[in-house]
């Protein structure tokens, strides 16, 4: 099956990609659309192109902001371990730099973890929250080791085969991993210094470090704004029951499942995610 390219998904949009200085981090940021802000937050080792097939539909209703974390993508590499307080502080600084007082958040995997922590710590700056297979509540040794081994191998030796293996772990259908996706990530992973940066990113896969960063029940209860927890039928990171439990512990949350999708919904599943997110974020208003 032919898959649309990142460029074709973004073609025709009025958008900007620039770098914003947030403390020590030269942060890569994409913006598109107007209106109420909606921040898109990628997963571990990811980059803003992960949202290429979401940006257009979401930008029809929102000022969409996609960015890359410290140590990730084309943002400044890290030479020290990054834990959740680092990501939360960076996000808060980014809002100040962009003049954003209050926003909606949409996070996938690590992005969902950061979104939860941020919403619990700064409820006055957060409207609605969309969590797509979010991390932060599980610490499964075999999953953590798989993420660590695949990710570090791809960063240490960014061959097509190793990058593809890392991406295929995310997808329900290996054919979803196009040559273009491999090339985008390979260019990032091949940057000088990225292998060291990846080691520090992956500190969250260490059981001791992860334990002190997990999302607590008290933090879930502190996410008082409306939340949508989205899980997928074929997520290798954990069962849908984890997402259901998360939603049950938040004051105003609903739970949905996307079928035939892995940890990262792609292509046809992106359309399902976009529809769910827009219906939730707009209250069903056209």
C-alpha atoms as a PDB file:
ATOM      1  CA  UNK A   1       0.000   0.000   0.000  1.00  0.00           C
ATOM      2  CA  UNK A   2       1.290   3.450  -0.931  1.00  0.00           C
ATOM      3  CA  UNK A   3       1.747   5.698   2.101  1.00  0.00           C
ATOM      4  CA  UNK A   4       1.535   9.513   1.868  1.00  0.00           C
ATOM      5  CA  UNK A   5       4.807  11.272   2.562  1.00  0.00           C
ATOM      6  CA  UNK A   6       5.477  13.699   5.385  1.00  0.00           C
ATOM      7  CA  UNK A   7       5.819  16.500   2.856  1.00  0.00           C
ATOM      8  CA  UNK A   8       2.524  15.691   1.128  1.00  0.00           C
ATOM      9  CA  UNK A   9       0.795  15.665   4.527  1.00  0.00           C
ATOM     10  CA  UNK A  10       2.147  19.132   5.305  1.00  0.00           C
ATOM     11  CA  UNK A  11       1.894  20.596   1.789  1.00  0.00           C
ATOM     12  CA  UNK A  12      -0.489  23.508   1.526  1.00  0.00           C
ATOM     13  CA  UNK A  13      -0.319  24.346   5.233  1.00  0.00           C
ATOM     14  CA  UNK A  14       0.838  27.731   6.410  1.00  0.00           C
ATOM     15  CA  UNK A  15       3.407  26.684   8.983  1.00  0.00           C
ATOM     16  CA  UNK A  16       6.732  27.650  10.466  1.00  0.00           C
ATOM     17  CA  UNK A  17       9.623  25.589  11.754  1.00  0.00           C
ATOM     18  CA  UNK A  18      12.121  27.516  13.840  1.00  0.00           C
ATOM     19  CA  UNK A  19      14.359  27.322  16.875  1.00  0.00           C
ATOM     20  CA  UNK A  20      13.362  28.890  20.182  1.00  0.00           C
ATOM     21  CA  UNK A  21      15.881  29.329  23.001  1.00  0.00           C
ATOM     22  CA  UNK A  22      14.515  27.848  26.238  1.00  0.00           C
ATOM     23  CA  UNK A  23      17.200  28.133  28.901  1.00  0.00           C
ATOM     24  CA  UNK A  24      20.162  26.145  27.652  1.00  0.00           C
ATOM     25  CA  UNK A  25      18.109  24.329  25.007  1.00  0.00           C
ATOM     26  CA  UNK A  26      17.892  25.509  21.378  1.00  0.00           C
ATOM     27  CA  UNK A  27      14.489  23.982  20.822  1.00  0.00           C
ATOM     28  CA  UNK A  28      13.023  23.027  17.431  1.00  0.00           C
ATOM     29  CA  UNK A  29       9.383  24.101  17.150  1.00  0.00           C
ATOM     30  CA  UNK A  30       6.717  23.776  14.448  1.00  0.00           C
ATOM     31  CA  UNK A  31       3.608  25.963  14.492  1.00  0.00           C
ATOM     32  CA  UNK A  32       0.527  25.843  12.265  1.00  0.00           C
ATOM     33  CA  UNK A  33      -3.026  27.139  12.492  1.00  0.00           C
ATOM     34  CA  UNK A  34      -4.654  29.772  14.657  1.00  0.00           C
ATOM     35  CA  UNK A  35      -6.813  29.914  17.749  1.00  0.00           C
ATOM     36  CA  UNK A  36      -6.585  28.074  21.032  1.00  0.00           C
ATOM     37  CA  UNK A  37      -3.156  26.446  21.481  1.00  0.00           C
ATOM     38  CA  UNK A  38      -2.682  22.676  21.251  1.00  0.00           C
ATOM     39  CA  UNK A  39       0.781  21.298  22.019  1.00  0.00           C
ATOM     40  CA  UNK A  40       1.847  17.961  20.476  1.00  0.00           C
ATOM     41  CA  UNK A  41       4.432  15.946  22.413  1.00  0.00           C
ATOM     42  CA  UNK A  42       6.284  12.982  20.868  1.00  0.00           C
ATOM     43  CA  UNK A  43       7.722   9.817  22.415  1.00  0.00           C
ATOM     44  CA  UNK A  44      11.187   8.699  23.556  1.00  0.00           C
ATOM     45  CA  UNK A  45      13.807   9.264  20.883  1.00  0.00           C
ATOM     46  CA  UNK A  46      11.204  10.905  18.658  1.00  0.00           C
ATOM     47  CA  UNK A  47      10.865  14.173  16.756  1.00  0.00           C
ATOM     48  CA  UNK A  48       8.134  16.519  15.589  1.00  0.00           C
ATOM     49  CA  UNK A  49       7.689  14.792  12.206  1.00  0.00           C
ATOM     50  CA  UNK A  50       5.940  12.046  14.170  1.00  0.00           C
ATOM     51  CA  UNK A  51       2.870  14.293  14.025  1.00  0.00           C
ATOM     52  CA  UNK A  52       2.992  15.046  10.284  1.00  0.00           C
ATOM     53  CA  UNK A  53      -0.344  13.319   9.655  1.00  0.00           C
ATOM     54  CA  UNK A  54      -2.037  14.995  12.624  1.00  0.00           C
ATOM     55  CA  UNK A  55      -0.917  18.592  12.205  1.00  0.00           C
ATOM     56  CA  UNK A  56      -3.102  19.503   9.205  1.00  0.00           C
ATOM     57  CA  UNK A  57      -6.449  18.275  10.579  1.00  0.00           C
ATOM     58  CA  UNK A  58      -5.751  19.661  14.061  1.00  0.00           C
ATOM     59  CA  UNK A  59      -4.540  23.014  12.709  1.00  0.00           C
ATOM     60  CA  UNK A  60      -7.947  23.599  11.130  1.00  0.00           C
ATOM     61  CA  UNK A  61      -9.229  24.307  14.637  1.00  0.00           C
ATOM     62  CA  UNK A  62      -6.173  25.065  16.794  1.00  0.00           C
ATOM     63  CA  UNK A  63      -2.838  26.829  16.966  1.00  0.00           C
ATOM     64  CA  UNK A  64      -0.821  23.625  16.801  1.00  0.00           C
ATOM     65  CA  UNK A  65       2.620  23.621  18.405  1.00  0.00           C
ATOM     66  CA  UNK A  66       4.870  20.571  17.964  1.00  0.00           C
ATOM     67  CA  UNK A  67       8.311  20.653  19.523  1.00  0.00           C
ATOM     68  CA  UNK A  68      11.318  18.467  20.305  1.00  0.00           C
ATOM     69  CA  UNK A  69      12.478  17.837  23.870  1.00  0.00           C
ATOM     70  CA  UNK A  70      15.979  18.457  25.173  1.00  0.00           C
ATOM     71  CA  UNK A  71      18.265  15.740  23.850  1.00  0.00           C
ATOM     72  CA  UNK A  72      15.790  14.786  21.101  1.00  0.00           C
ATOM     73  CA  UNK A  73      15.477  15.466  17.402  1.00  0.00           C
ATOM     74  CA  UNK A  74      17.291  18.629  16.337  1.00  0.00           C
ATOM     75  CA  UNK A  75      17.023  20.272  19.755  1.00  0.00           C
ATOM     76  CA  UNK A  76      20.297  20.636  21.682  1.00  0.00           C
ATOM     77  CA  UNK A  77      21.823  17.307  22.678  1.00  0.00           C
ATOM     78  CA  UNK A  78      22.023  16.474  26.353  1.00  0.00           C
ATOM     79  CA  UNK A  79      25.196  15.495  28.191  1.00  0.00           C
ATOM     80  CA  UNK A  80      23.402  14.573  31.414  1.00  0.00           C
ATOM     81  CA  UNK A  81      20.479  12.358  32.391  1.00  0.00           C
ATOM     82  CA  UNK A  82      17.056  13.892  31.829  1.00  0.00           C
ATOM     83  CA  UNK A  83      14.239  13.035  34.229  1.00  0.00           C
ATOM     84  CA  UNK A  84      10.624  14.200  34.297  1.00  0.00           C
ATOM     85  CA  UNK A  85      11.284  17.451  36.202  1.00  0.00           C
ATOM     86  CA  UNK A  86      13.669  18.444  33.383  1.00  0.00           C
ATOM     87  CA  UNK A  87      11.016  17.889  30.715  1.00  0.00           C
ATOM     88  CA  UNK A  88       8.348  19.678  32.760  1.00  0.00           C
ATOM     89  CA  UNK A  89      10.593  22.692  33.382  1.00  0.00           C
ATOM     90  CA  UNK A  90      11.515  22.849  29.687  1.00  0.00           C
ATOM     91  CA  UNK A  91       7.845  22.773  28.659  1.00  0.00           C
ATOM     92  CA  UNK A  92       7.009  25.547  31.101  1.00  0.00           C
ATOM     93  CA  UNK A  93       9.861  27.640  29.729  1.00  0.00           C
ATOM     94  CA  UNK A  94       8.737  26.981  26.165  1.00  0.00           C
ATOM     95  CA  UNK A  95       5.279  28.328  26.960  1.00  0.00           C
ATOM     96  CA  UNK A  96       6.840  31.498  28.342  1.00  0.00           C
ATOM     97  CA  UNK A  97       9.048  31.878  25.262  1.00  0.00           C
ATOM     98  CA  UNK A  98       6.058  31.448  22.914  1.00  0.00           C
ATOM     99  CA  UNK A  99       3.753  33.684  24.925  1.00  0.00           C
ATOM    100  CA  UNK A 100       1.370  30.828  25.744  1.00  0.00           C
ATOM    101  CA  UNK A 101      -0.529  31.350  28.995  1.00  0.00           C
ATOM    102  CA  UNK A 102      -2.847  28.334  28.792  1.00  0.00           C
ATOM    103  CA  UNK A 103      -2.982  25.423  26.369  1.00  0.00           C
ATOM    104  CA  UNK A 104      -4.316  21.982  25.580  1.00  0.00           C
ATOM    105  CA  UNK A 105      -1.808  19.123  25.605  1.00  0.00           C
ATOM    106  CA  UNK A 106      -1.605  16.001  23.446  1.00  0.00           C
ATOM    107  CA  UNK A 107       1.166  13.568  24.331  1.00  0.00           C
ATOM    108  CA  UNK A 108       2.188  10.145  23.031  1.00  0.00           C
ATOM    109  CA  UNK A 109       4.210   7.717  25.200  1.00  0.00           C
ATOM    110  CA  UNK A 110       6.864   9.886  26.916  1.00  0.00           C
ATOM    111  CA  UNK A 111       4.844  12.882  25.729  1.00  0.00           C
ATOM    112  CA  UNK A 112       1.829  11.634  27.651  1.00  0.00           C
ATOM    113  CA  UNK A 113       4.009  11.136  30.718  1.00  0.00           C
ATOM    114  CA  UNK A 114       5.271  14.717  30.510  1.00  0.00           C
ATOM    115  CA  UNK A 115       1.735  15.997  29.854  1.00  0.00           C
ATOM    116  CA  UNK A 116       0.423  14.266  32.978  1.00  0.00           C
ATOM    117  CA  UNK A 117       3.210  15.590  35.169  1.00  0.00           C
ATOM    118  CA  UNK A 118       2.811  19.085  33.752  1.00  0.00           C
ATOM    119  CA  UNK A 119      -0.982  19.146  34.097  1.00  0.00           C
ATOM    120  CA  UNK A 120      -0.735  17.991  37.726  1.00  0.00           C
ATOM    121  CA  UNK A 121       1.901  20.608  38.576  1.00  0.00           C
ATOM    122  CA  UNK A 122       0.469  23.519  36.553  1.00  0.00           C
ATOM    123  CA  UNK A 123      -3.310  23.068  36.254  1.00  0.00           C
ATOM    124  CA  UNK A 124      -3.767  26.810  35.737  1.00  0.00           C
ATOM    125  CA  UNK A 125      -1.896  26.559  32.405  1.00  0.00           C
ATOM    126  CA  UNK A 126      -3.650  23.465  31.028  1.00  0.00           C
ATOM    127  CA  UNK A 127      -7.053  23.080  29.425  1.00  0.00           C
ATOM    128  CA  UNK A 128      -7.821  19.636  27.997  1.00  0.00           C
ATOM    129  CA  UNK A 129      -5.368  16.733  27.855  1.00  0.00           C
ATOM    130  CA  UNK A 130      -5.168  13.974  25.225  1.00  0.00           C
ATOM    131  CA  UNK A 131      -2.988  11.016  26.251  1.00  0.00           C
ATOM    132  CA  UNK A 132      -2.059   8.528  23.527  1.00  0.00           C
ATOM    133  CA  UNK A 133      -0.616   5.290  24.993  1.00  0.00           C
ATOM    134  CA  UNK A 134       0.982   7.427  27.722  1.00  0.00           C
ATOM    135  CA  UNK A 135       3.946   6.294  29.759  1.00  0.00           C
ATOM    136  CA  UNK A 136       4.578   6.936  33.397  1.00  0.00           C
ATOM    137  CA  UNK A 137       2.479   4.406  35.278  1.00  0.00           C
ATOM    138  CA  UNK A 138       4.198   1.134  34.308  1.00  0.00           C
ATOM    139  CA  UNK A 139       7.683  -0.239  34.919  1.00  0.00           C
ATOM    140  CA  UNK A 140       7.784  -3.568  33.075  1.00  0.00           C
ATOM    141  CA  UNK A 141      11.415  -4.795  32.972  1.00  0.00           C
ATOM    142  CA  UNK A 142      11.208  -6.589  29.620  1.00  0.00           C
ATOM    143  CA  UNK A 143       9.547  -3.595  27.923  1.00  0.00           C
ATOM    144  CA  UNK A 144      12.075  -1.168  29.398  1.00  0.00           C
ATOM    145  CA  UNK A 145      14.973  -3.345  28.264  1.00  0.00           C
ATOM    146  CA  UNK A 146      13.509  -3.670  24.769  1.00  0.00           C
ATOM    147  CA  UNK A 147      13.144   0.106  24.431  1.00  0.00           C
ATOM    148  CA  UNK A 148      16.659   0.656  25.768  1.00  0.00           C
ATOM    149  CA  UNK A 149      18.366  -1.958  23.592  1.00  0.00           C
ATOM    150  CA  UNK A 150      16.602  -1.059  20.325  1.00  0.00           C
ATOM    151  CA  UNK A 151      16.993   2.689  20.843  1.00  0.00           C
ATOM    152  CA  UNK A 152      20.645   2.680  21.867  1.00  0.00           C
ATOM    153  CA  UNK A 153      21.603   0.248  19.110  1.00  0.00           C
ATOM    154  CA  UNK A 154      19.981   2.544  16.547  1.00  0.00           C
ATOM    155  CA  UNK A 155      21.784   5.593  17.950  1.00  0.00           C
ATOM    156  CA  UNK A 156      25.166   3.871  18.236  1.00  0.00           C
ATOM    157  CA  UNK A 157      24.991   2.452  14.703  1.00  0.00           C
ATOM    158  CA  UNK A 158      22.269   4.274  12.726  1.00  0.00           C
ATOM    159  CA  UNK A 159      22.008   1.850   9.858  1.00  0.00           C
ATOM    160  CA  UNK A 160      18.774   1.448   7.956  1.00  0.00           C
ATOM    161  CA  UNK A 161      18.274  -1.979   9.554  1.00  0.00           C
ATOM    162  CA  UNK A 162      18.669  -0.781  13.151  1.00  0.00           C
ATOM    163  CA  UNK A 163      16.501   2.309  12.637  1.00  0.00           C
ATOM    164  CA  UNK A 164      13.834   0.196  10.959  1.00  0.00           C
ATOM    165  CA  UNK A 165      13.883  -2.324  13.821  1.00  0.00           C
ATOM    166  CA  UNK A 166      13.327   0.491  16.334  1.00  0.00           C
ATOM    167  CA  UNK A 167      10.403   1.902  14.346  1.00  0.00           C
ATOM    168  CA  UNK A 168       8.813  -1.478  13.645  1.00  0.00           C
ATOM    169  CA  UNK A 169       8.557  -2.077  17.389  1.00  0.00           C
ATOM    170  CA  UNK A 170       6.172   0.893  17.493  1.00  0.00           C
ATOM    171  CA  UNK A 171       3.850  -0.267  14.718  1.00  0.00           C
ATOM    172  CA  UNK A 172       1.217  -2.983  14.483  1.00  0.00           C
ATOM    173  CA  UNK A 173       2.002  -3.380  10.765  1.00  0.00           C
ATOM    174  CA  UNK A 174       5.717  -3.360   9.845  1.00  0.00           C
ATOM    175  CA  UNK A 175       4.838  -2.064   6.375  1.00  0.00           C
ATOM    176  CA  UNK A 176       3.871   1.198   8.089  1.00  0.00           C
ATOM    177  CA  UNK A 177       7.584   1.894   8.477  1.00  0.00           C
ATOM    178  CA  UNK A 178       8.304   3.654   5.204  1.00  0.00           C
ATOM    179  CA  UNK A 179      11.722   4.439   3.781  1.00  0.00           C
ATOM    180  CA  UNK A 180      10.984   8.107   4.445  1.00  0.00           C
ATOM    181  CA  UNK A 181      10.363   7.548   8.158  1.00  0.00           C
ATOM    182  CA  UNK A 182      13.611   5.595   8.374  1.00  0.00           C
ATOM    183  CA  UNK A 183      15.517   8.361   6.553  1.00  0.00           C
ATOM    184  CA  UNK A 184      14.145  11.120   8.801  1.00  0.00           C
ATOM    185  CA  UNK A 185      15.097   9.321  11.981  1.00  0.00           C
ATOM    186  CA  UNK A 186      18.394   8.083  10.598  1.00  0.00           C
ATOM    187  CA  UNK A 187      19.488  11.668   9.815  1.00  0.00           C
ATOM    188  CA  UNK A 188      18.745  12.648  13.419  1.00  0.00           C
ATOM    189  CA  UNK A 189      20.424   9.629  14.988  1.00  0.00           C
ATOM    190  CA  UNK A 190      23.532  10.068  12.836  1.00  0.00           C
ATOM    191  CA  UNK A 191      24.179  13.587  14.151  1.00  0.00           C
ATOM    192  CA  UNK A 192      27.486  13.831  16.042  1.00  0.00           C
ATOM    193  CA  UNK A 193      26.851  13.522  19.756  1.00  0.00           C
ATOM    194  CA  UNK A 194      23.412  11.956  19.464  1.00  0.00           C
ATOM    195  CA  UNK A 195      24.502   8.519  20.692  1.00  0.00           C
ATOM    196  CA  UNK A 196      25.587  10.035  24.019  1.00  0.00           C
ATOM    197  CA  UNK A 197      22.383  12.063  24.164  1.00  0.00           C
ATOM    198  CA  UNK A 198      20.362   8.878  23.703  1.00  0.00           C
ATOM    199  CA  UNK A 199      22.118   7.239  26.662  1.00  0.00           C
ATOM    200  CA  UNK A 200      20.973  10.088  28.885  1.00  0.00           C
ATOM    201  CA  UNK A 201      17.446  10.044  27.424  1.00  0.00           C
ATOM    202  CA  UNK A 202      17.208   6.340  28.190  1.00  0.00           C
ATOM    203  CA  UNK A 203      17.936   6.809  31.887  1.00  0.00           C
ATOM    204  CA  UNK A 204      14.168   6.505  32.382  1.00  0.00           C
ATOM    205  CA  UNK A 205      14.457   2.844  31.384  1.00  0.00           C
ATOM    206  CA  UNK A 206      16.615   2.231  34.475  1.00  0.00           C
ATOM    207  CA  UNK A 207      14.351   0.718  37.164  1.00  0.00           C
ATOM    208  CA  UNK A 208      15.650   2.888  40.015  1.00  0.00           C
ATOM    209  CA  UNK A 209      15.447   6.145  38.057  1.00  0.00           C
ATOM    210  CA  UNK A 210      12.081   5.231  36.582  1.00  0.00           C
ATOM    211  CA  UNK A 211      10.609   4.463  39.993  1.00  0.00           C
ATOM    212  CA  UNK A 212      11.189   7.991  41.281  1.00  0.00           C
ATOM    213  CA  UNK A 213       9.651   9.498  38.138  1.00  0.00           C
ATOM    214  CA  UNK A 214       6.456   7.446  37.869  1.00  0.00           C
ATOM    215  CA  UNK A 215       3.106   9.214  37.814  1.00  0.00           C
ATOM    216  CA  UNK A 216       1.451   8.848  41.214  1.00  0.00           C
ATOM    217  CA  UNK A 217      -2.225   8.371  41.959  1.00  0.00           C
ATOM    218  CA  UNK A 218      -2.173  11.796  43.604  1.00  0.00           C
ATOM    219  CA  UNK A 219      -0.883  13.342  40.376  1.00  0.00           C
ATOM    220  CA  UNK A 220      -3.592  11.612  38.347  1.00  0.00           C
ATOM    221  CA  UNK A 221      -6.182  12.978  40.753  1.00  0.00           C
ATOM    222  CA  UNK A 222      -4.665  16.447  40.321  1.00  0.00           C
ATOM    223  CA  UNK A 223      -5.374  16.431  36.569  1.00  0.00           C
ATOM    224  CA  UNK A 224      -8.703  18.136  37.107  1.00  0.00           C
ATOM    225  CA  UNK A 225      -9.356  19.289  33.530  1.00  0.00           C
ATOM    226  CA  UNK A 226     -11.054  17.034  30.969  1.00  0.00           C
ATOM    227  CA  UNK A 227      -8.789  14.209  29.761  1.00  0.00           C
ATOM    228  CA  UNK A 228      -8.973  11.635  26.979  1.00  0.00           C
ATOM    229  CA  UNK A 229      -6.898   8.464  27.373  1.00  0.00           C
ATOM    230  CA  UNK A 230      -6.375   6.644  24.066  1.00  0.00           C
ATOM    231  CA  UNK A 231      -4.927   3.135  23.943  1.00  0.00           C
ATOM    232  CA  UNK A 232      -4.344   0.844  20.993  1.00  0.00           C
ATOM    233  CA  UNK A 233      -5.203  -2.773  20.338  1.00  0.00           C
ATOM    234  CA  UNK A 234      -1.592  -3.842  19.688  1.00  0.00           C
ATOM    235  CA  UNK A 235       0.488  -1.691  22.002  1.00  0.00           C
ATOM    236  CA  UNK A 236       3.727  -3.512  22.986  1.00  0.00           C
ATOM    237  CA  UNK A 237       4.279  -1.222  25.976  1.00  0.00           C
ATOM    238  CA  UNK A 238       1.370  -2.576  27.987  1.00  0.00           C
ATOM    239  CA  UNK A 239      -2.287  -3.640  28.024  1.00  0.00           C
ATOM    240  CA  UNK A 240      -5.299  -1.408  27.544  1.00  0.00           C
ATOM    241  CA  UNK A 241      -6.173  -2.084  31.186  1.00  0.00           C
ATOM    242  CA  UNK A 242      -3.322   0.257  32.133  1.00  0.00           C
ATOM    243  CA  UNK A 243      -4.992   3.096  30.258  1.00  0.00           C
ATOM    244  CA  UNK A 244      -8.397   2.251  31.699  1.00  0.00           C
ATOM    245  CA  UNK A 245      -6.949   2.367  35.217  1.00  0.00           C
ATOM    246  CA  UNK A 246      -5.304   5.702  34.495  1.00  0.00           C
ATOM    247  CA  UNK A 247      -8.555   7.209  33.240  1.00  0.00           C
ATOM    248  CA  UNK A 248     -10.458   5.900  36.257  1.00  0.00           C
ATOM    249  CA  UNK A 249      -8.097   7.736  38.614  1.00  0.00           C
ATOM    250  CA  UNK A 250      -8.607  11.135  36.967  1.00  0.00           C
ATOM    251  CA  UNK A 251     -11.616  13.247  37.947  1.00  0.00           C
ATOM    252  CA  UNK A 252     -12.876  13.915  34.403  1.00  0.00           C
ATOM    253  CA  UNK A 253     -11.469  11.374  31.954  1.00  0.00           C
ATOM    254  CA  UNK A 254     -12.770   9.065  29.269  1.00  0.00           C
ATOM    255  CA  UNK A 255     -11.104   6.077  27.646  1.00  0.00           C
ATOM    256  CA  UNK A 256     -11.010   4.982  23.988  1.00  0.00           C
ATOM    257  CA  UNK A 257      -9.276   2.207  22.030  1.00  0.00           C
ATOM    258  CA  UNK A 258      -7.998   2.432  18.443  1.00  0.00           C
ATOM    259  CA  UNK A 259      -8.074  -0.933  16.702  1.00  0.00           C
ATOM    260  CA  UNK A 260      -5.332  -2.367  14.502  1.00  0.00           C
ATOM    261  CA  UNK A 261      -2.740   0.087  15.816  1.00  0.00           C
ATOM    262  CA  UNK A 262       0.525  -0.271  17.710  1.00  0.00           C
ATOM    263  CA  UNK A 263       2.173   2.085  20.162  1.00  0.00           C
ATOM    264  CA  UNK A 264       2.291   4.811  17.508  1.00  0.00           C
ATOM    265  CA  UNK A 265      -0.933   5.043  15.430  1.00  0.00           C
ATOM    266  CA  UNK A 266       0.031   5.661  11.808  1.00  0.00           C
ATOM    267  CA  UNK A 267      -1.673   6.199   8.478  1.00  0.00           C
ATOM    268  CA  UNK A 268      -5.323   5.042   8.630  1.00  0.00           C
ATOM    269  CA  UNK A 269      -5.150   4.919  12.437  1.00  0.00           C
ATOM    270  CA  UNK A 270      -4.015   8.565  12.442  1.00  0.00           C
ATOM    271  CA  UNK A 271      -7.376   9.480  10.921  1.00  0.00           C
ATOM    272  CA  UNK A 272      -9.138   7.701  13.779  1.00  0.00           C
ATOM    273  CA  UNK A 273      -6.954   9.467  16.332  1.00  0.00           C
ATOM    274  CA  UNK A 274      -7.549  12.860  14.697  1.00  0.00           C
ATOM    275  CA  UNK A 275     -11.322  12.338  14.766  1.00  0.00           C
ATOM    276  CA  UNK A 276     -11.286  11.279  18.439  1.00  0.00           C
ATOM    277  CA  UNK A 277      -9.044  14.159  19.462  1.00  0.00           C
ATOM    278  CA  UNK A 278     -11.038  16.791  17.585  1.00  0.00           C
ATOM    279  CA  UNK A 279     -14.368  15.549  18.896  1.00  0.00           C
ATOM    280  CA  UNK A 280     -13.015  15.616  22.450  1.00  0.00           C
ATOM    281  CA  UNK A 281     -11.201  18.942  22.197  1.00  0.00           C
ATOM    282  CA  UNK A 282     -14.066  20.799  20.530  1.00  0.00           C
ATOM    283  CA  UNK A 283     -16.909  19.185  22.445  1.00  0.00           C
ATOM    284  CA  UNK A 284     -18.308  17.891  19.182  1.00  0.00           C
ATOM    285  CA  UNK A 285     -18.786  21.395  17.791  1.00  0.00           C
ATOM    286  CA  UNK A 286     -18.218  21.699  14.018  1.00  0.00           C
END
